[in-house]
Amino acid sequence: MLEVVVTGIGLISALGNSLEDSWQRLIAGESGIKLHQAFPELQALPLGLISNQPIGLRSLTQEVVKSALRDASLIPPLPDCGVVIGSSRGYQAEWERMARQMYGEKGTGGQGDKETRRQGDKDEKISPHLPFLCSLPHMNAIAVARLVGATGIVLAPMAACATGIWAISQAFNLIKSGRCQRVVAGAVEAPITPLTIAGFKKMGALAKTGAYPFDINREGLVLGEGAAVFVLESAELARQRGAKIYGEICGFGLTADAYHGNQPDSEGKGAISAVKQCLHRSHISPEDIDYIHAHGTATQMNDRVESLVIQKIFAESVAVISTKGATGHTLGASGALGLAFSLMSLKHQILPSTVGLKESEFNLNLIGKAREGFLKQGMCFSFGFGGQNAVVVLRKASKL
């Protein structure tokens, strides 16, 4: 049977500019969330910023892809490599800047600062007439293809907060079907924009002090920036070139609730279906799962429904973690970050802490402090607005 393995990971988050930095701070129980006033017209809020100012999609993408290739010991050009890079917000920051330039709002990206970015790529010059075609949703994936030197398949999935796992699933299928032997895949999100903040605030979804997943006093989500990109290869190709292996991708469950525009089904039917589908396709049972990296947004409804899903399928002993209290909610990239942290758990045999959790509201085996464990197989959840459910099973790397 054709196996799909991960041979490289690039990760940048509010915890650090590399996979190792983010991992070390995560297992130490630290958080990258701080109070920031990202825009003068908006009040200060807890945010998971990578630096002191909102980052640009282009620079974030370039750095994380380079990190993934370097980690996999690959040097471009890689003409036969597939590319699957997703984002739920894409170039929204660009579009907001262009709108402000068009309407000339002073102090918020209008005539007074149209020669340089108000937020985004540091010191990058922009034209006041930047063609909107350069910032269409798929153009970031095209840019990655140029960076990698890939002339094959290029995909740009967009599935709200489930985008990251959707991207990995598409890469997995490209390799399983024999269309590619290697794919660079993942998700990148630079969502700290005035409109994004205002929209989530209007919904009443934003926290005021921090992110506390599954906690009885949770307030809501904290927006965060981040990216995680992976090099996926067939086990045969990895064996041929003597690559290091983080773990094996076993299978996916992908469903939709078809229930509401932004609320999950209160009974978790679509999520339960995705989990069962994933277990079936991975040829394992619930008892085989050693831990679950939960979506864990720290919103009232998500944590309640997700807890219900876990309790209906898994034993009380299964370990459950959420990392959004450390990184913030990186929206479309959140599942990719979760996948990276899950692979690190398998590699190092460590369960990281659920940062921000003090008193759980739910009867789950939530990991409060990082600890060692015998970990062979894990599951990662990702649930998006509109009822997008994505679940993946990972297995510890075996000797090739």
Protein backbone atom coordinates (compact mmCIF):
# COMPACT_ATOMS: atom_id res chain seq x y z
CA MET A 1 0.00 0.00 0.00
CA LEU A 2 1.33 3.45 -0.93
CA GLU A 3 2.25 5.41 2.19
CA VAL A 4 2.36 9.21 2.43
CA VAL A 5 4.88 10.67 4.86
CA VAL A 6 5.96 14.12 6.03
CA THR A 7 9.64 14.89 5.45
CA GLY A 8 9.75 18.63 6.11
CA ILE A 9 7.89 21.21 8.20
CA GLY A 10 8.00 24.98 8.15
CA LEU A 11 6.09 26.77 10.91
CA ILE A 12 5.87 30.42 11.94
CA SER A 13 3.54 31.58 14.68
CA ALA A 14 3.14 34.06 17.51
CA LEU A 15 5.25 31.62 19.55
CA GLY A 16 8.29 31.90 17.28
CA ASN A 17 9.76 32.21 13.80
CA SER A 18 10.59 28.54 13.49
CA LEU A 19 9.09 25.15 14.23
CA GLU A 20 11.57 24.43 17.00
CA ASP A 21 11.10 27.80 18.72
CA SER A 22 7.31 27.47 18.64
CA TRP A 23 7.46 23.90 19.92
CA GLN A 24 9.81 24.68 22.80
CA ARG A 25 7.68 27.57 23.98
CA LEU A 26 4.52 25.51 23.60
CA ILE A 27 5.72 22.62 25.77
CA ALA A 28 6.95 25.21 28.29
CA GLY A 29 3.35 26.40 28.57
CA GLU A 30 4.04 29.86 27.18
CA SER A 31 1.71 32.00 25.08
CA GLY A 32 2.49 34.34 22.19
CA ILE A 33 -0.74 36.27 22.77
CA LYS A 34 -0.30 39.87 23.91
CA LEU A 35 -2.42 43.01 24.09
CA HIS A 36 -1.95 45.03 20.89
CA GLN A 37 -3.53 48.06 19.29
CA ALA A 38 -2.91 46.98 15.72
CA PHE A 39 -4.76 49.94 14.20
CA PRO A 40 -5.21 53.44 15.65
CA GLU A 41 -8.93 53.47 14.85
CA LEU A 42 -9.57 50.25 16.84
CA GLN A 43 -9.18 49.54 20.53
CA ALA A 44 -6.44 47.31 21.90
CA LEU A 45 -7.19 43.58 21.92
CA PRO A 46 -5.31 40.36 22.72
CA LEU A 47 -3.77 39.17 19.45
CA GLY A 48 -1.30 36.51 18.37
CA LEU A 49 1.04 38.68 16.28
CA ILE A 50 4.29 37.30 14.90
CA SER A 51 6.00 40.67 15.48
CA ASN A 52 4.84 44.04 16.76
CA GLN A 53 2.87 44.89 13.60
CA PRO A 54 0.56 42.77 11.42
CA ILE A 55 2.57 40.74 8.92
CA GLY A 56 2.06 40.55 5.17
CA LEU A 57 0.90 37.39 3.40
CA ARG A 58 3.72 37.45 0.85
CA SER A 59 6.64 37.64 3.25
CA LEU A 60 5.07 35.12 5.64
CA THR A 61 4.53 32.65 2.79
CA GLN A 62 8.04 32.98 1.44
CA GLU A 63 9.66 32.42 4.83
CA VAL A 64 7.57 29.42 5.82
CA VAL A 65 8.02 27.68 2.44
CA LYS A 66 11.78 28.22 2.54
CA SER A 67 11.82 26.75 6.06
CA ALA A 68 9.91 23.66 4.95
CA LEU A 69 12.21 23.03 1.99
CA ARG A 70 15.30 23.57 4.13
CA ASP A 71 13.95 21.18 6.78
CA ALA A 72 13.37 18.55 4.09
CA SER A 73 16.89 19.07 2.64
CA LEU A 74 15.46 20.07 -0.75
CA ILE A 75 16.81 22.74 -3.08
CA PRO A 76 14.68 24.34 -5.80
CA PRO A 77 13.87 24.04 -8.61
CA LEU A 78 11.61 21.01 -8.04
CA PRO A 79 9.69 20.83 -11.34
CA ASP A 80 7.75 17.64 -10.59
CA CYS A 81 6.55 18.83 -7.18
CA GLY A 82 2.87 19.61 -6.61
CA VAL A 83 1.79 22.71 -4.68
CA VAL A 84 -1.29 23.04 -2.44
CA ILE A 85 -1.34 26.25 -0.42
CA GLY A 86 -4.56 27.46 1.17
CA SER A 87 -5.79 30.52 3.06
CA SER A 88 -9.23 31.50 4.30
CA ARG A 89 -8.60 35.27 4.13
CA GLY A 90 -6.00 35.38 1.38
CA TYR A 91 -5.10 38.92 0.34
CA GLN A 92 -7.92 40.55 2.29
CA ALA A 93 -5.46 43.01 3.84
CA GLU A 94 -4.46 44.09 0.32
CA TRP A 95 -8.07 44.60 -0.70
CA GLU A 96 -8.78 46.66 2.41
CA ARG A 97 -5.75 48.84 1.69
CA MET A 98 -6.82 49.33 -1.92
CA ALA A 99 -10.32 50.30 -0.78
CA ARG A 100 -8.89 52.86 1.64
CA GLN A 101 -6.67 54.27 -1.10
CA MET A 102 -9.63 54.56 -3.45
CA TYR A 103 -11.70 56.43 -0.90
CA GLY A 104 -8.74 58.36 0.52
CA GLU A 105 -9.29 57.84 4.26
CA LYS A 106 -6.50 59.68 6.04
CA GLY A 107 -4.63 57.78 8.71
CA THR A 108 -6.06 54.41 7.71
CA GLY A 109 -4.16 53.68 4.53
CA GLY A 110 -5.50 56.48 2.35
CA GLN A 111 -3.68 59.25 0.46
CA GLY A 112 -1.28 59.89 3.32
CA ASP A 113 0.46 56.50 3.17
CA LYS A 114 -0.18 54.96 -0.21
CA GLU A 115 3.54 54.73 -1.04
CA THR A 116 4.25 52.18 1.70
CA ARG A 117 2.22 49.49 3.45
CA ARG A 118 0.29 50.48 6.61
CA GLN A 119 0.50 46.82 7.56
CA GLY A 120 2.24 43.95 5.89
CA ASP A 121 5.56 43.30 4.30
CA LYS A 122 8.18 45.45 5.97
CA ASP A 123 9.44 48.38 3.91
CA GLU A 124 7.82 46.99 0.76
CA LYS A 125 6.84 49.67 -1.74
CA ILE A 126 3.43 49.43 -3.37
CA SER A 127 1.84 51.25 -6.23
CA PRO A 128 -1.34 53.20 -5.58
CA HIS A 129 -2.66 51.42 -8.68
CA LEU A 130 -1.75 47.85 -7.64
CA PRO A 131 -3.70 45.58 -10.01
CA PHE A 132 -6.33 43.63 -8.13
CA LEU A 133 -5.53 40.58 -10.26
CA CYS A 134 -2.24 40.20 -8.38
CA SER A 135 -4.14 39.66 -5.13
CA LEU A 136 -6.78 37.14 -6.17
CA PRO A 137 -7.13 34.18 -3.77
CA HIS A 138 -5.14 31.66 -5.83
CA MET A 139 -2.15 33.92 -6.50
CA ASN A 140 -0.38 32.99 -3.25
CA ALA A 141 -0.25 29.34 -4.35
CA ILE A 142 1.06 30.46 -7.74
CA ALA A 143 3.77 32.47 -5.97
CA VAL A 144 4.78 29.35 -4.03
CA ALA A 145 5.04 27.38 -7.28
CA ARG A 146 7.45 30.02 -8.60
CA LEU A 147 9.47 29.88 -5.39
CA VAL A 148 9.67 26.08 -5.48
CA GLY A 149 10.23 25.93 -9.23
CA ALA A 150 7.23 23.61 -9.52
CA THR A 151 5.61 23.30 -12.95
CA GLY A 152 3.01 20.67 -12.07
CA ILE A 153 -0.30 20.78 -10.23
CA VAL A 154 -1.10 23.92 -8.21
CA LEU A 155 -4.17 24.09 -5.94
CA ALA A 156 -5.43 26.86 -3.64
CA PRO A 157 -8.13 25.49 -1.31
CA MET A 158 -10.31 27.76 0.79
CA ALA A 159 -12.54 26.14 3.43
CA ALA A 160 -12.72 28.65 6.29
CA CYS A 161 -10.92 27.41 9.41
CA ALA A 162 -10.72 23.88 7.96
CA THR A 163 -8.49 25.09 5.11
CA GLY A 164 -5.21 23.73 6.50
CA ILE A 165 -6.35 20.14 6.78
CA TRP A 166 -8.21 20.45 3.46
CA ALA A 167 -4.90 21.44 1.83
CA ILE A 168 -3.06 18.47 3.33
CA SER A 169 -5.86 16.12 2.24
CA GLN A 170 -5.59 17.32 -1.35
CA ALA A 171 -1.82 16.83 -1.29
CA PHE A 172 -2.33 13.36 0.21
CA ASN A 173 -4.72 12.44 -2.62
CA LEU A 174 -2.30 13.71 -5.28
CA ILE A 175 0.35 11.32 -3.97
CA LYS A 176 -2.04 8.42 -3.34
CA SER A 177 -3.39 8.68 -6.88
CA GLY A 178 0.10 8.63 -8.38
CA ARG A 179 -0.15 12.12 -9.89
CA CYS A 180 2.72 13.37 -7.70
CA GLN A 181 5.41 11.81 -5.58
CA ARG A 182 6.10 15.02 -3.70
CA VAL A 183 3.84 17.94 -2.74
CA VAL A 184 4.51 21.17 -0.84
CA ALA A 185 1.29 21.81 1.06
CA GLY A 186 -0.11 23.81 3.94
CA ALA A 187 -1.86 27.04 4.84
CA VAL A 188 -0.86 30.64 5.48
CA GLU A 189 -2.91 33.29 7.25
CA ALA A 190 -2.30 36.99 7.87
CA PRO A 191 -5.76 37.87 9.17
CA ILE A 192 -5.14 40.90 11.37
CA THR A 193 -7.04 43.54 9.40
CA PRO A 194 -9.56 46.18 10.52
CA LEU A 195 -12.45 44.44 8.77
CA THR A 196 -11.61 41.01 10.20
CA ILE A 197 -11.38 42.38 13.72
CA ALA A 198 -14.58 44.40 13.32
CA GLY A 199 -16.45 41.42 11.89
CA PHE A 200 -15.56 39.01 14.68
CA LYS A 201 -16.23 41.70 17.27
CA LYS A 202 -19.68 42.33 15.79
CA MET A 203 -20.41 38.61 16.15
CA GLY A 204 -19.41 38.76 19.82
CA ALA A 205 -16.75 36.11 19.19
CA LEU A 206 -13.62 37.95 20.35
CA ALA A 207 -12.02 37.50 23.76
CA LYS A 208 -11.16 40.55 25.85
CA THR A 209 -8.18 39.23 27.84
CA GLY A 210 -6.94 35.97 26.27
CA ALA A 211 -7.77 32.54 24.85
CA TYR A 212 -8.86 29.85 27.32
CA PRO A 213 -9.89 26.70 25.41
CA PHE A 214 -12.46 24.47 27.14
CA ASP A 215 -12.23 26.60 30.28
CA ILE A 216 -15.34 27.34 32.28
CA ASN A 217 -14.46 31.05 32.05
CA ARG A 218 -13.57 31.12 28.35
CA GLU A 219 -14.34 34.43 26.62
CA GLY A 220 -14.02 33.74 22.91
CA LEU A 221 -11.33 33.45 20.26
CA VAL A 222 -8.14 35.47 19.89
CA LEU A 223 -7.06 36.18 16.32
CA GLY A 224 -3.56 35.06 15.45
CA GLU A 225 -1.18 35.10 12.52
CA GLY A 226 0.61 31.96 11.41
CA ALA A 227 1.60 29.50 8.76
CA ALA A 228 2.53 25.83 8.53
CA VAL A 229 3.79 24.24 5.32
CA PHE A 230 4.79 20.61 4.84
CA VAL A 231 6.72 18.52 2.38
CA LEU A 232 4.70 15.37 1.74
CA GLU A 233 6.30 12.50 -0.15
CA SER A 234 5.60 8.90 -1.00
CA ALA A 235 7.44 6.62 1.42
CA GLU A 236 9.26 5.15 -1.58
CA LEU A 237 10.71 8.53 -2.60
CA ALA A 238 11.61 9.35 1.00
CA ARG A 239 13.39 6.00 1.29
CA GLN A 240 15.31 6.52 -1.92
CA ARG A 241 16.75 9.84 -0.80
CA GLY A 242 17.24 8.91 2.86
CA ALA A 243 14.93 11.62 4.15
CA LYS A 244 14.02 12.02 7.81
CA ILE A 245 10.38 11.21 8.55
CA TYR A 246 8.15 13.10 10.99
CA GLY A 247 5.21 10.75 10.60
CA GLU A 248 2.74 9.12 8.26
CA ILE A 249 -0.55 10.61 7.08
CA CYS A 250 -3.12 7.83 7.42
CA GLY A 251 -6.49 9.21 6.32
CA PHE A 252 -9.03 12.02 6.37
CA GLY A 253 -12.65 12.74 7.14
CA LEU A 254 -14.20 15.69 5.30
CA THR A 255 -17.86 16.67 5.71
CA ALA A 256 -20.20 19.66 5.79
CA ASP A 257 -23.01 20.36 8.26
CA ALA A 258 -25.32 22.10 5.75
CA TYR A 259 -26.86 23.66 8.84
CA HIS A 260 -26.04 27.37 9.33
CA GLY A 261 -23.87 30.14 7.91
CA ASN A 262 -21.54 30.40 10.90
CA GLN A 263 -22.82 28.14 13.71
CA PRO A 264 -21.99 24.44 14.00
CA ASP A 265 -24.75 21.87 14.28
CA SER A 266 -25.52 21.84 18.02
CA GLU A 267 -25.49 18.02 18.03
CA GLY A 268 -22.22 17.82 16.10
CA LYS A 269 -23.65 15.47 13.46
CA GLY A 270 -21.34 16.60 10.66
CA ALA A 271 -18.27 16.54 12.90
CA ILE A 272 -19.14 13.06 14.20
CA SER A 273 -19.54 11.87 10.61
CA ALA A 274 -16.12 13.31 9.71
CA VAL A 275 -14.43 11.57 12.64
CA LYS A 276 -16.04 8.21 11.84
CA GLN A 277 -15.19 8.60 8.16
CA CYS A 278 -11.58 9.36 9.05
CA LEU A 279 -11.27 6.33 11.36
CA HIS A 280 -12.78 4.06 8.71
CA ARG A 281 -10.49 5.30 5.94
CA SER A 282 -7.46 5.01 8.23
CA HIS A 283 -8.46 1.41 9.13
CA ILE A 284 -8.28 2.05 12.87
CA SER A 285 -10.73 2.17 15.78
CA PRO A 286 -11.31 4.97 18.33
CA GLU A 287 -9.33 2.95 20.89
CA ASP A 288 -6.24 3.24 18.65
CA ILE A 289 -6.10 7.03 19.02
CA ASP A 290 -3.69 8.14 21.74
CA TYR A 291 -4.49 11.86 21.64
CA ILE A 292 -6.64 14.44 19.90
CA HIS A 293 -5.44 17.87 18.87
CA ALA A 294 -8.79 19.64 19.19
CA HIS A 295 -9.94 22.68 17.25
CA GLY A 296 -10.52 24.29 20.67
CA THR A 297 -11.26 27.89 19.72
CA ALA A 298 -12.31 28.96 23.26
CA THR A 299 -15.70 30.14 21.98
CA GLN A 300 -18.75 28.98 23.90
CA MET A 301 -20.38 26.99 21.12
CA ASN A 302 -17.35 25.41 19.44
CA ASP A 303 -15.89 24.00 22.66
CA ARG A 304 -19.27 22.69 23.79
CA VAL A 305 -20.04 20.92 20.50
CA GLU A 306 -16.49 19.61 20.10
CA SER A 307 -16.56 18.17 23.62
CA LEU A 308 -19.82 16.42 22.77
CA VAL A 309 -18.27 14.92 19.63
CA ILE A 310 -15.27 13.57 21.54
CA GLN A 311 -17.41 12.13 24.33
CA LYS A 312 -19.71 10.34 21.88
CA ILE A 313 -16.88 8.52 20.08
CA PHE A 314 -13.85 8.18 22.32
CA ALA A 315 -13.09 6.80 25.77
CA GLU A 316 -12.65 9.23 28.66
CA SER A 317 -8.95 8.37 28.81
CA VAL A 318 -8.03 9.77 25.38
CA ALA A 319 -5.77 12.81 25.82
CA VAL A 320 -7.11 16.10 24.45
CA ILE A 321 -5.10 19.26 23.75
CA SER A 322 -5.68 22.66 22.15
CA THR A 323 -2.87 25.03 21.21
CA LYS A 324 -4.89 28.17 20.39
CA GLY A 325 -4.29 29.55 23.89
CA ALA A 326 -0.64 29.80 22.84
CA THR A 327 -0.85 30.84 19.17
CA GLY A 328 -4.26 32.46 18.89
CA HIS A 329 -6.75 31.29 16.28
CA THR A 330 -4.97 31.44 12.93
CA LEU A 331 -8.22 30.76 11.06
CA GLY A 332 -7.43 28.91 7.81
CA ALA A 333 -3.92 28.01 9.00
CA SER A 334 -5.06 26.63 12.37
CA GLY A 335 -5.43 23.02 11.20
CA ALA A 336 -1.99 23.14 9.60
CA LEU A 337 -0.44 24.43 12.83
CA GLY A 338 -2.28 21.70 14.72
CA LEU A 339 -0.92 19.09 12.32
CA ALA A 340 2.63 20.36 12.82
CA PHE A 341 2.36 20.30 16.60
CA SER A 342 0.80 16.83 16.44
CA LEU A 343 3.71 15.52 14.36
CA MET A 344 6.12 17.00 16.90
CA SER A 345 4.21 15.21 19.66
CA LEU A 346 4.69 11.92 17.82
CA LYS A 347 8.36 12.63 17.15
CA HIS A 348 9.25 13.65 20.72
CA GLN A 349 6.59 11.55 22.52
CA ILE A 350 5.37 14.64 24.40
CA LEU A 351 1.85 15.98 24.84
CA PRO A 352 1.95 19.80 25.06
CA SER A 353 -0.15 21.69 27.55
CA THR A 354 -3.49 23.31 26.76
CA VAL A 355 -2.26 26.84 27.40
CA GLY A 356 -4.92 29.05 29.01
CA LEU A 357 -6.86 26.19 30.60
CA LYS A 358 -7.39 26.59 34.35
CA GLU A 359 -10.70 24.91 35.10
CA SER A 360 -12.33 22.68 32.50
CA GLU A 361 -16.05 22.83 31.92
CA PHE A 362 -16.11 19.39 30.30
CA ASN A 363 -15.45 15.79 31.25
CA LEU A 364 -12.42 15.40 29.00
CA ASN A 365 -8.85 14.27 29.66
CA LEU A 366 -7.45 17.72 28.86
CA ILE A 367 -3.69 18.03 29.22
CA GLY A 368 -3.01 20.90 31.60
CA LYS A 369 0.77 20.59 31.69
CA ALA A 370 3.09 19.08 29.08
CA ARG A 371 4.01 15.47 29.81
CA GLU A 372 5.59 12.46 28.18
CA GLY A 373 3.45 9.66 26.83
CA PHE A 374 3.54 6.58 24.63
CA LEU A 375 2.12 8.02 21.43
CA LYS A 376 1.64 6.00 18.28
CA GLN A 377 -1.37 7.56 16.57
CA GLY A 378 -3.05 10.93 16.91
CA MET A 379 -6.00 12.77 15.43
CA CYS A 380 -6.28 16.44 14.53
CA PHE A 381 -9.63 18.28 14.30
CA SER A 382 -10.44 21.44 12.35
CA PHE A 383 -13.92 22.96 12.03
CA GLY A 384 -14.75 25.97 9.89
CA PHE A 385 -17.53 28.54 9.56
CA GLY A 386 -20.39 27.23 7.48
CA GLY A 387 -19.99 23.74 8.94
CA GLN A 388 -16.74 22.64 7.27
CA ASN A 389 -15.40 19.62 9.17
CA ALA A 390 -11.91 18.26 8.55
CA VAL A 391 -10.19 15.48 10.52
CA VAL A 392 -6.89 13.69 9.94
CA VAL A 393 -5.14 10.68 11.53
CA LEU A 394 -1.35 10.64 11.92
CA ARG A 395 0.95 7.76 12.77
CA LYS A 396 4.40 7.79 14.38
CA ALA A 397 7.19 7.29 11.89
CA SER A 398 8.46 3.75 11.53
CA LYS A 399 11.89 2.76 10.30
CA LEU A 400 11.83 2.64 6.52
